[in-house]
Amino acid sequence: MRIHERKNLSNKLNGQTIEQKTHKAITRLLIFGIIFLVIEVIAMIIYLVAG
């Protein structure tokens, strides 16, 4: 009975960590995307000004 309860607990914990990992990955992708867009905009402005 106790072993079964432990399994349920570990499954719940694993589910939470997987959710946190995916959430972190999504936020990282968003941050990288925003940084990339900012760099692109700056590059375009420099290109237009220099060109």
Protein backbone atom coordinates (compact mmCIF):
# COMPACT_ATOMS: atom_id res chain seq x y z
CA MET A 1 0.00 0.00 0.00
CA ARG A 2 2.77 2.45 0.94
CA ILE A 3 4.82 1.58 -2.15
CA HIS A 4 1.79 2.40 -4.31
CA GLU A 5 1.38 5.78 -2.57
CA ARG A 6 5.05 6.57 -3.14
CA LYS A 7 4.68 5.79 -6.85
CA ASN A 8 1.75 8.20 -7.09
CA LEU A 9 3.76 10.91 -5.31
CA SER A 10 6.78 10.47 -7.59
CA ASN A 11 4.52 10.51 -10.66
CA LYS A 12 2.95 13.77 -9.48
CA LEU A 13 6.38 15.30 -8.86
CA ASN A 14 7.66 14.16 -12.26
CA GLY A 15 4.61 15.65 -13.95
CA GLN A 16 5.24 18.99 -12.23
CA THR A 17 8.92 19.06 -13.21
CA ILE A 18 8.08 18.22 -16.83
CA GLU A 19 5.53 21.07 -16.88
CA GLN A 20 8.09 23.46 -15.37
CA LYS A 21 10.72 22.38 -17.93
CA THR A 22 8.37 22.94 -20.87
CA HIS A 23 7.31 26.30 -19.41
CA LYS A 24 10.96 27.34 -19.05
CA ALA A 25 11.70 26.20 -22.61
CA ILE A 26 8.76 28.21 -23.97
CA THR A 27 9.79 31.36 -22.07
CA ARG A 28 13.38 30.92 -23.29
CA LEU A 29 12.18 30.60 -26.88
CA LEU A 30 10.07 33.75 -26.48
CA ILE A 31 12.99 35.69 -24.98
CA PHE A 32 15.34 34.53 -27.75
CA GLY A 33 12.73 35.43 -30.36
CA ILE A 34 12.31 38.94 -28.96
CA ILE A 35 16.10 39.46 -28.79
CA PHE A 36 16.42 38.20 -32.38
CA LEU A 37 13.69 40.59 -33.57
CA VAL A 38 15.36 43.52 -31.79
CA ILE A 39 18.72 42.66 -33.39
CA GLU A 40 17.03 42.38 -36.81
CA VAL A 41 15.38 45.80 -36.40
CA ILE A 42 18.67 47.41 -35.29
CA ALA A 43 20.47 45.78 -38.23
CA MET A 44 17.84 47.11 -40.66
CA ILE A 45 18.13 50.64 -39.23
CA ILE A 46 21.94 50.54 -39.48
CA TYR A 47 21.66 49.19 -43.04
CA LEU A 48 19.23 51.97 -44.04
CA VAL A 49 21.29 54.71 -42.36
CA ALA A 50 24.62 53.46 -43.75
CA GLY A 51 23.18 52.55 -47.15
